[in-house]
């Protein structure tokens, strides 16, 4: 039985990542339980309003309910919560075990996402596909991520400002970091989000399954320009990505003798 149509009613966006099916299913299960709880507690509220209205109870009682109904109700709620946790939440979370395995292979796209007030820079490894090291003391107007000139892996690296370009059908690993304050890289259609913390690189990975363009937003309040901190994630066919990748210019100027 398809239970995920409840997400469509709630206008949950269409997802474009391989692992999104698991997350979408988890959202549907949670929303169904929320709907059941909404109906149950709303019905309970109306019963209480009807049973204890002022006309039926003109004089206040300081003794309260003398039956054990409320105790049974509280125990029932605890039992339901335990069943939800042990019978649904833990198994559903355990189903993510395959997603938690970091992808490997020659077709994996490695890059670094760097947040700053108020924008995103995406650092690709160039022809050798090796991401060079960065140093905050090397940051300048021409070298916005602080790419180290003496690192051989950094020679052919390039950055894309405000646009994250990814290939469809290939695993992608994004190292998320920041050069000033805490930001949050939210790739909603790719069902991925990770805080960007200065001095720390945290990886997240996914495999895009649909081509298209979507907005990237910052998921952490990072300053006065937070609302304007937007970028674009663009998923293209693998061949188009390779052509775009090969056409980019290295960030560091080539040294001449």
C-alpha atoms as a PDB file:
ATOM      1  CA  UNK A   1       0.000   0.000   0.000  1.00  0.00           C
ATOM      2  CA  UNK A   2       1.319   3.407  -0.956  1.00  0.00           C
ATOM      3  CA  UNK A   3       1.432   5.575   2.156  1.00  0.00           C
ATOM      4  CA  UNK A   4       3.593   8.348   0.725  1.00  0.00           C
ATOM      5  CA  UNK A   5       0.720  10.262  -0.876  1.00  0.00           C
ATOM      6  CA  UNK A   6       0.326  12.066   2.442  1.00  0.00           C
ATOM      7  CA  UNK A   7       3.611  13.841   1.643  1.00  0.00           C
ATOM      8  CA  UNK A   8       2.067  15.168  -1.576  1.00  0.00           C
ATOM      9  CA  UNK A   9      -0.865  16.595   0.376  1.00  0.00           C
ATOM     10  CA  UNK A  10       1.606  18.381   2.660  1.00  0.00           C
ATOM     11  CA  UNK A  11       3.531  19.727  -0.361  1.00  0.00           C
ATOM     12  CA  UNK A  12       6.767  17.909   0.483  1.00  0.00           C
ATOM     13  CA  UNK A  13       9.120  18.669  -2.404  1.00  0.00           C
ATOM     14  CA  UNK A  14      10.082  16.106  -5.023  1.00  0.00           C
ATOM     15  CA  UNK A  15      13.397  14.469  -4.188  1.00  0.00           C
ATOM     16  CA  UNK A  16      16.241  13.818  -6.628  1.00  0.00           C
ATOM     17  CA  UNK A  17      18.674  11.547  -4.776  1.00  0.00           C
ATOM     18  CA  UNK A  18      19.094   7.782  -4.613  1.00  0.00           C
ATOM     19  CA  UNK A  19      18.661   7.567  -0.852  1.00  0.00           C
ATOM     20  CA  UNK A  20      15.664   9.925  -0.789  1.00  0.00           C
ATOM     21  CA  UNK A  21      13.188   7.050  -1.048  1.00  0.00           C
ATOM     22  CA  UNK A  22      14.094   5.869   2.460  1.00  0.00           C
ATOM     23  CA  UNK A  23      13.786   9.373   3.872  1.00  0.00           C
ATOM     24  CA  UNK A  24      10.524  10.021   2.053  1.00  0.00           C
ATOM     25  CA  UNK A  25       9.085   6.794   3.463  1.00  0.00           C
ATOM     26  CA  UNK A  26      10.174   7.765   6.979  1.00  0.00           C
ATOM     27  CA  UNK A  27       8.503  11.151   6.557  1.00  0.00           C
ATOM     28  CA  UNK A  28       5.299   9.458   5.409  1.00  0.00           C
ATOM     29  CA  UNK A  29       5.271   7.125   8.433  1.00  0.00           C
ATOM     30  CA  UNK A  30       5.846  10.049  10.807  1.00  0.00           C
ATOM     31  CA  UNK A  31       3.128  12.128   9.139  1.00  0.00           C
ATOM     32  CA  UNK A  32       0.622   9.267   9.378  1.00  0.00           C
ATOM     33  CA  UNK A  33       1.298   8.841  13.086  1.00  0.00           C
ATOM     34  CA  UNK A  34       0.992  12.593  13.540  1.00  0.00           C
ATOM     35  CA  UNK A  35      -2.365  12.504  11.736  1.00  0.00           C
ATOM     36  CA  UNK A  36      -3.600   9.669  13.972  1.00  0.00           C
ATOM     37  CA  UNK A  37      -2.465  11.534  17.085  1.00  0.00           C
ATOM     38  CA  UNK A  38      -4.130  14.710  15.811  1.00  0.00           C
ATOM     39  CA  UNK A  39      -7.479  12.942  15.394  1.00  0.00           C
ATOM     40  CA  UNK A  40      -7.170  11.128  18.720  1.00  0.00           C
ATOM     41  CA  UNK A  41      -6.177  14.097  20.839  1.00  0.00           C
ATOM     42  CA  UNK A  42      -8.688  16.395  19.130  1.00  0.00           C
ATOM     43  CA  UNK A  43     -11.467  13.901  19.885  1.00  0.00           C
ATOM     44  CA  UNK A  44     -10.238  13.675  23.479  1.00  0.00           C
ATOM     45  CA  UNK A  45     -10.279  17.469  23.771  1.00  0.00           C
ATOM     46  CA  UNK A  46     -13.900  17.688  22.607  1.00  0.00           C
ATOM     47  CA  UNK A  47     -14.923  14.912  25.010  1.00  0.00           C
ATOM     48  CA  UNK A  48     -13.348  16.838  27.889  1.00  0.00           C
ATOM     49  CA  UNK A  49     -14.989  20.100  26.802  1.00  0.00           C
ATOM     50  CA  UNK A  50     -18.387  18.392  26.620  1.00  0.00           C
ATOM     51  CA  UNK A  51     -18.084  16.394  29.834  1.00  0.00           C
ATOM     52  CA  UNK A  52     -16.737  19.167  32.032  1.00  0.00           C
ATOM     53  CA  UNK A  53     -18.583  22.194  30.668  1.00  0.00           C
ATOM     54  CA  UNK A  54     -19.983  24.804  33.062  1.00  0.00           C
ATOM     55  CA  UNK A  55     -23.626  23.769  32.607  1.00  0.00           C
ATOM     56  CA  UNK A  56     -22.954  20.214  33.770  1.00  0.00           C
ATOM     57  CA  UNK A  57     -20.556  21.346  36.463  1.00  0.00           C
ATOM     58  CA  UNK A  58     -21.830  24.668  37.851  1.00  0.00           C
ATOM     59  CA  UNK A  59     -19.738  24.280  40.987  1.00  0.00           C
ATOM     60  CA  UNK A  60     -15.990  23.761  40.856  1.00  0.00           C
ATOM     61  CA  UNK A  61     -14.703  20.494  42.301  1.00  0.00           C
ATOM     62  CA  UNK A  62     -11.412  20.532  44.119  1.00  0.00           C
ATOM     63  CA  UNK A  63     -11.199  16.746  44.218  1.00  0.00           C
ATOM     64  CA  UNK A  64     -10.911  16.193  40.472  1.00  0.00           C
ATOM     65  CA  UNK A  65     -11.609  12.884  38.787  1.00  0.00           C
ATOM     66  CA  UNK A  66     -11.994  10.060  41.272  1.00  0.00           C
ATOM     67  CA  UNK A  67     -11.806   7.215  38.734  1.00  0.00           C
ATOM     68  CA  UNK A  68      -8.581   5.677  37.445  1.00  0.00           C
ATOM     69  CA  UNK A  69      -9.350   6.616  33.833  1.00  0.00           C
ATOM     70  CA  UNK A  70      -6.639   9.282  33.639  1.00  0.00           C
ATOM     71  CA  UNK A  71      -4.063   6.862  35.062  1.00  0.00           C
ATOM     72  CA  UNK A  72      -4.982   4.218  32.488  1.00  0.00           C
ATOM     73  CA  UNK A  73      -4.805   6.864  29.771  1.00  0.00           C
ATOM     74  CA  UNK A  74      -1.317   7.957  30.827  1.00  0.00           C
ATOM     75  CA  UNK A  75      -0.085   4.356  30.919  1.00  0.00           C
ATOM     76  CA  UNK A  76      -1.609   3.763  27.490  1.00  0.00           C
ATOM     77  CA  UNK A  77       0.179   6.793  26.049  1.00  0.00           C
ATOM     78  CA  UNK A  78       3.508   5.560  27.452  1.00  0.00           C
ATOM     79  CA  UNK A  79       2.955   2.095  25.947  1.00  0.00           C
ATOM     80  CA  UNK A  80       2.124   3.582  22.552  1.00  0.00           C
ATOM     81  CA  UNK A  81       5.264   5.739  22.656  1.00  0.00           C
ATOM     82  CA  UNK A  82       7.420   2.704  23.504  1.00  0.00           C
ATOM     83  CA  UNK A  83       5.868   0.722  20.637  1.00  0.00           C
ATOM     84  CA  UNK A  84       6.500   3.607  18.240  1.00  0.00           C
ATOM     85  CA  UNK A  85      10.118   3.872  19.344  1.00  0.00           C
ATOM     86  CA  UNK A  86      11.005   0.171  19.411  1.00  0.00           C
ATOM     87  CA  UNK A  87       8.707  -1.074  16.678  1.00  0.00           C
ATOM     88  CA  UNK A  88       9.032   1.706  14.110  1.00  0.00           C
ATOM     89  CA  UNK A  89      11.667   4.362  14.808  1.00  0.00           C
ATOM     90  CA  UNK A  90      14.627   2.049  15.483  1.00  0.00           C
ATOM     91  CA  UNK A  91      13.940  -0.346  12.555  1.00  0.00           C
ATOM     92  CA  UNK A  92      13.385   2.534  10.139  1.00  0.00           C
ATOM     93  CA  UNK A  93      16.623   4.188  11.239  1.00  0.00           C
ATOM     94  CA  UNK A  94      18.483   0.869  10.961  1.00  0.00           C
ATOM     95  CA  UNK A  95      17.334   0.647   7.335  1.00  0.00           C
ATOM     96  CA  UNK A  96      19.653   3.583   6.633  1.00  0.00           C
ATOM     97  CA  UNK A  97      22.754   1.414   7.208  1.00  0.00           C
ATOM     98  CA  UNK A  98      23.460   1.100   3.479  1.00  0.00           C
ATOM     99  CA  UNK A  99      23.187   4.863   3.061  1.00  0.00           C
ATOM    100  CA  UNK A 100      25.834   5.412   5.737  1.00  0.00           C
ATOM    101  CA  UNK A 101      28.540   3.665   3.707  1.00  0.00           C
ATOM    102  CA  UNK A 102      30.797   6.238   2.079  1.00  0.00           C
ATOM    103  CA  UNK A 103      30.976   5.633  -1.695  1.00  0.00           C
ATOM    104  CA  UNK A 104      34.235   4.663  -3.371  1.00  0.00           C
ATOM    105  CA  UNK A 105      35.345   4.211  -6.966  1.00  0.00           C
ATOM    106  CA  UNK A 106      36.725   6.098  -9.943  1.00  0.00           C
ATOM    107  CA  UNK A 107      33.362   7.666 -10.817  1.00  0.00           C
ATOM    108  CA  UNK A 108      32.973   9.391  -7.428  1.00  0.00           C
ATOM    109  CA  UNK A 109      32.920  13.199  -7.611  1.00  0.00           C
ATOM    110  CA  UNK A 110      34.821  14.800  -4.711  1.00  0.00           C
ATOM    111  CA  UNK A 111      34.482  18.487  -3.907  1.00  0.00           C
ATOM    112  CA  UNK A 112      34.483  20.947  -1.058  1.00  0.00           C
ATOM    113  CA  UNK A 113      31.633  23.336  -0.180  1.00  0.00           C
ATOM    114  CA  UNK A 114      32.849  26.488   1.557  1.00  0.00           C
ATOM    115  CA  UNK A 115      30.403  28.832   3.242  1.00  0.00           C
ATOM    116  CA  UNK A 116      31.074  32.475   3.980  1.00  0.00           C
ATOM    117  CA  UNK A 117      28.991  35.514   4.784  1.00  0.00           C
ATOM    118  CA  UNK A 118      26.922  35.474   2.613  1.00  0.00           C
ATOM    119  CA  UNK A 119      27.474  32.967  -0.164  1.00  0.00           C
ATOM    120  CA  UNK A 120      28.755  29.544  -1.163  1.00  0.00           C
ATOM    121  CA  UNK A 121      31.915  28.531  -3.023  1.00  0.00           C
ATOM    122  CA  UNK A 122      32.331  25.032  -4.434  1.00  0.00           C
ATOM    123  CA  UNK A 123      35.892  23.757  -4.744  1.00  0.00           C
ATOM    124  CA  UNK A 124      36.586  21.031  -7.325  1.00  0.00           C
ATOM    125  CA  UNK A 125      39.798  19.023  -7.690  1.00  0.00           C
ATOM    126  CA  UNK A 126      40.592  19.795 -11.333  1.00  0.00           C
ATOM    127  CA  UNK A 127      42.076  17.303 -13.781  1.00  0.00           C
ATOM    128  CA  UNK A 128      43.690  15.094 -11.133  1.00  0.00           C
ATOM    129  CA  UNK A 129      40.420  15.082  -9.125  1.00  0.00           C
ATOM    130  CA  UNK A 130      42.474  15.660  -5.972  1.00  0.00           C
ATOM    131  CA  UNK A 131      41.266  18.502  -3.771  1.00  0.00           C
ATOM    132  CA  UNK A 132      44.120  20.733  -2.660  1.00  0.00           C
ATOM    133  CA  UNK A 133      44.724  21.867   0.907  1.00  0.00           C
ATOM    134  CA  UNK A 134      43.574  25.274   2.122  1.00  0.00           C
ATOM    135  CA  UNK A 135      44.935  27.736   4.660  1.00  0.00           C
ATOM    136  CA  UNK A 136      42.824  30.567   6.140  1.00  0.00           C
ATOM    137  CA  UNK A 137      45.907  32.813   6.109  1.00  0.00           C
ATOM    138  CA  UNK A 138      46.122  32.399   2.316  1.00  0.00           C
ATOM    139  CA  UNK A 139      42.637  33.825   1.728  1.00  0.00           C
ATOM    140  CA  UNK A 140      42.620  36.898  -0.501  1.00  0.00           C
ATOM    141  CA  UNK A 141      40.340  38.617  -2.983  1.00  0.00           C
ATOM    142  CA  UNK A 142      41.775  36.422  -5.753  1.00  0.00           C
ATOM    143  CA  UNK A 143      41.937  33.264  -3.632  1.00  0.00           C
ATOM    144  CA  UNK A 144      38.669  33.209  -1.733  1.00  0.00           C
ATOM    145  CA  UNK A 145      39.110  29.750  -0.213  1.00  0.00           C
ATOM    146  CA  UNK A 146      42.789  30.074   0.744  1.00  0.00           C
ATOM    147  CA  UNK A 147      44.099  27.410  -1.629  1.00  0.00           C
ATOM    148  CA  UNK A 148      47.750  26.622  -0.800  1.00  0.00           C
ATOM    149  CA  UNK A 149      50.109  27.331  -3.698  1.00  0.00           C
ATOM    150  CA  UNK A 150      52.756  24.855  -2.525  1.00  0.00           C
ATOM    151  CA  UNK A 151      50.335  21.905  -2.549  1.00  0.00           C
ATOM    152  CA  UNK A 152      50.783  19.939  -5.812  1.00  0.00           C
ATOM    153  CA  UNK A 153      47.163  18.781  -5.652  1.00  0.00           C
ATOM    154  CA  UNK A 154      45.990  22.405  -5.760  1.00  0.00           C
ATOM    155  CA  UNK A 155      47.614  23.369  -9.067  1.00  0.00           C
ATOM    156  CA  UNK A 156      44.609  22.601 -11.277  1.00  0.00           C
ATOM    157  CA  UNK A 157      41.815  23.121  -8.727  1.00  0.00           C
ATOM    158  CA  UNK A 158      38.966  25.480  -9.560  1.00  0.00           C
ATOM    159  CA  UNK A 159      35.962  26.953  -7.773  1.00  0.00           C
ATOM    160  CA  UNK A 160      32.400  27.605  -8.816  1.00  0.00           C
ATOM    161  CA  UNK A 161      30.861  30.557  -6.988  1.00  0.00           C
ATOM    162  CA  UNK A 162      27.167  30.257  -6.235  1.00  0.00           C
ATOM    163  CA  UNK A 163      26.560  27.190  -8.406  1.00  0.00           C
ATOM    164  CA  UNK A 164      27.023  23.557  -7.417  1.00  0.00           C
ATOM    165  CA  UNK A 165      27.196  21.436 -10.570  1.00  0.00           C
ATOM    166  CA  UNK A 166      26.771  17.671 -10.174  1.00  0.00           C
ATOM    167  CA  UNK A 167      26.425  14.692 -12.528  1.00  0.00           C
ATOM    168  CA  UNK A 168      23.328  12.530 -12.608  1.00  0.00           C
ATOM    169  CA  UNK A 169      23.831   8.911 -11.576  1.00  0.00           C
ATOM    170  CA  UNK A 170      27.311   9.304 -10.046  1.00  0.00           C
ATOM    171  CA  UNK A 171      28.115   9.302  -6.314  1.00  0.00           C
ATOM    172  CA  UNK A 172      29.140  12.696  -4.946  1.00  0.00           C
ATOM    173  CA  UNK A 173      31.066  13.422  -1.748  1.00  0.00           C
ATOM    174  CA  UNK A 174      30.909  17.005  -0.495  1.00  0.00           C
ATOM    175  CA  UNK A 175      33.294  18.164   2.239  1.00  0.00           C
ATOM    176  CA  UNK A 176      31.420  20.961   4.018  1.00  0.00           C
ATOM    177  CA  UNK A 177      33.250  23.760   5.833  1.00  0.00           C
ATOM    178  CA  UNK A 178      33.168  27.509   6.487  1.00  0.00           C
ATOM    179  CA  UNK A 179      35.676  30.341   6.642  1.00  0.00           C
ATOM    180  CA  UNK A 180      33.883  32.620   9.118  1.00  0.00           C
ATOM    181  CA  UNK A 181      30.791  31.539  11.098  1.00  0.00           C
ATOM    182  CA  UNK A 182      28.585  28.451  11.247  1.00  0.00           C
ATOM    183  CA  UNK A 183      26.465  27.994   8.131  1.00  0.00           C
ATOM    184  CA  UNK A 184      24.223  25.138   7.009  1.00  0.00           C
ATOM    185  CA  UNK A 185      24.398  23.654   3.503  1.00  0.00           C
ATOM    186  CA  UNK A 186      20.825  22.558   2.760  1.00  0.00           C
ATOM    187  CA  UNK A 187      20.352  20.591  -0.468  1.00  0.00           C
ATOM    188  CA  UNK A 188      16.670  19.856   0.064  1.00  0.00           C
ATOM    189  CA  UNK A 189      15.881  18.040  -3.235  1.00  0.00           C
ATOM    190  CA  UNK A 190      18.935  15.839  -2.632  1.00  0.00           C
ATOM    191  CA  UNK A 191      17.702  15.052   0.889  1.00  0.00           C
ATOM    192  CA  UNK A 192      21.001  16.236   2.353  1.00  0.00           C
ATOM    193  CA  UNK A 193      21.981  18.878   4.880  1.00  0.00           C
ATOM    194  CA  UNK A 194      25.159  19.523   6.833  1.00  0.00           C
ATOM    195  CA  UNK A 195      26.386  22.310   9.086  1.00  0.00           C
ATOM    196  CA  UNK A 196      29.450  24.178   7.835  1.00  0.00           C
ATOM    197  CA  UNK A 197      31.770  24.775  10.798  1.00  0.00           C
ATOM    198  CA  UNK A 198      34.961  26.888  10.604  1.00  0.00           C
ATOM    199  CA  UNK A 199      38.118  24.799  10.868  1.00  0.00           C
ATOM    200  CA  UNK A 200      36.246  21.523  10.356  1.00  0.00           C
ATOM    201  CA  UNK A 201      35.411  19.545   7.224  1.00  0.00           C
ATOM    202  CA  UNK A 202      32.396  17.256   7.498  1.00  0.00           C
ATOM    203  CA  UNK A 203      31.568  14.966   4.556  1.00  0.00           C
ATOM    204  CA  UNK A 204      28.140  14.190   3.195  1.00  0.00           C
ATOM    205  CA  UNK A 205      27.388  12.028   0.170  1.00  0.00           C
ATOM    206  CA  UNK A 206      24.546  11.202  -2.190  1.00  0.00           C
ATOM    207  CA  UNK A 207      23.833  10.119  -5.760  1.00  0.00           C
ATOM    208  CA  UNK A 208      21.656  12.498  -7.835  1.00  0.00           C
ATOM    209  CA  UNK A 209      18.953  10.717  -9.838  1.00  0.00           C
ATOM    210  CA  UNK A 210      17.247  13.580 -11.684  1.00  0.00           C
ATOM    211  CA  UNK A 211      18.474  16.506 -13.741  1.00  0.00           C
ATOM    212  CA  UNK A 212      17.329  19.992 -12.851  1.00  0.00           C
ATOM    213  CA  UNK A 213      18.117  23.179 -10.956  1.00  0.00           C
ATOM    214  CA  UNK A 214      17.143  23.933  -7.378  1.00  0.00           C
ATOM    215  CA  UNK A 215      17.915  26.548  -4.754  1.00  0.00           C
ATOM    216  CA  UNK A 216      20.504  26.043  -2.044  1.00  0.00           C
ATOM    217  CA  UNK A 217      19.756  27.787   1.227  1.00  0.00           C
ATOM    218  CA  UNK A 218      21.664  28.335   4.440  1.00  0.00           C
ATOM    219  CA  UNK A 219      20.066  26.377   7.281  1.00  0.00           C
ATOM    220  CA  UNK A 220      21.765  28.338  10.082  1.00  0.00           C
ATOM    221  CA  UNK A 221      21.131  31.939  11.091  1.00  0.00           C
ATOM    222  CA  UNK A 222      24.524  33.362  10.135  1.00  0.00           C
ATOM    223  CA  UNK A 223      24.134  37.135  10.229  1.00  0.00           C
ATOM    224  CA  UNK A 224      22.257  40.102   8.820  1.00  0.00           C
ATOM    225  CA  UNK A 225      22.497  38.817   5.240  1.00  0.00           C
ATOM    226  CA  UNK A 226      21.353  35.272   6.051  1.00  0.00           C
ATOM    227  CA  UNK A 227      18.198  35.524   3.922  1.00  0.00           C
ATOM    228  CA  UNK A 228      20.284  36.441   0.873  1.00  0.00           C
ATOM    229  CA  UNK A 229      22.687  33.520   1.250  1.00  0.00           C
ATOM    230  CA  UNK A 230      21.397  31.467  -1.661  1.00  0.00           C
ATOM    231  CA  UNK A 231      23.032  29.440  -4.400  1.00  0.00           C
ATOM    232  CA  UNK A 232      21.994  26.923  -7.051  1.00  0.00           C
ATOM    233  CA  UNK A 233      22.497  23.183  -7.335  1.00  0.00           C
ATOM    234  CA  UNK A 234      22.457  22.033 -10.946  1.00  0.00           C
ATOM    235  CA  UNK A 235      22.305  18.334 -11.813  1.00  0.00           C
ATOM    236  CA  UNK A 236      23.214  17.527 -15.418  1.00  0.00           C
ATOM    237  CA  UNK A 237      23.899  14.403 -17.438  1.00  0.00           C
ATOM    238  CA  UNK A 238      27.293  12.808 -16.800  1.00  0.00           C
ATOM    239  CA  UNK A 239      28.667  13.731 -20.241  1.00  0.00           C
ATOM    240  CA  UNK A 240      27.629  17.369 -19.840  1.00  0.00           C
ATOM    241  CA  UNK A 241      29.251  17.463 -16.406  1.00  0.00           C
ATOM    242  CA  UNK A 242      32.538  16.124 -17.802  1.00  0.00           C
ATOM    243  CA  UNK A 243      32.525  18.803 -20.524  1.00  0.00           C
ATOM    244  CA  UNK A 244      31.792  21.552 -18.002  1.00  0.00           C
ATOM    245  CA  UNK A 245      34.461  20.193 -15.649  1.00  0.00           C
ATOM    246  CA  UNK A 246      37.125  20.171 -18.376  1.00  0.00           C
ATOM    247  CA  UNK A 247      36.299  23.745 -19.428  1.00  0.00           C
ATOM    248  CA  UNK A 248      36.926  25.341 -16.017  1.00  0.00           C
ATOM    249  CA  UNK A 249      39.982  27.497 -15.338  1.00  0.00           C
ATOM    250  CA  UNK A 250      42.330  26.793 -12.438  1.00  0.00           C
ATOM    251  CA  UNK A 251      42.037  29.137  -9.470  1.00  0.00           C
ATOM    252  CA  UNK A 252      45.792  29.531  -8.973  1.00  0.00           C
ATOM    253  CA  UNK A 253      47.766  31.208 -11.773  1.00  0.00           C
ATOM    254  CA  UNK A 254      50.305  28.995 -13.516  1.00  0.00           C
ATOM    255  CA  UNK A 255      53.879  29.818 -12.589  1.00  0.00           C
ATOM    256  CA  UNK A 256      56.156  30.851 -15.447  1.00  0.00           C
ATOM    257  CA  UNK A 257      59.941  30.684 -15.550  1.00  0.00           C
END
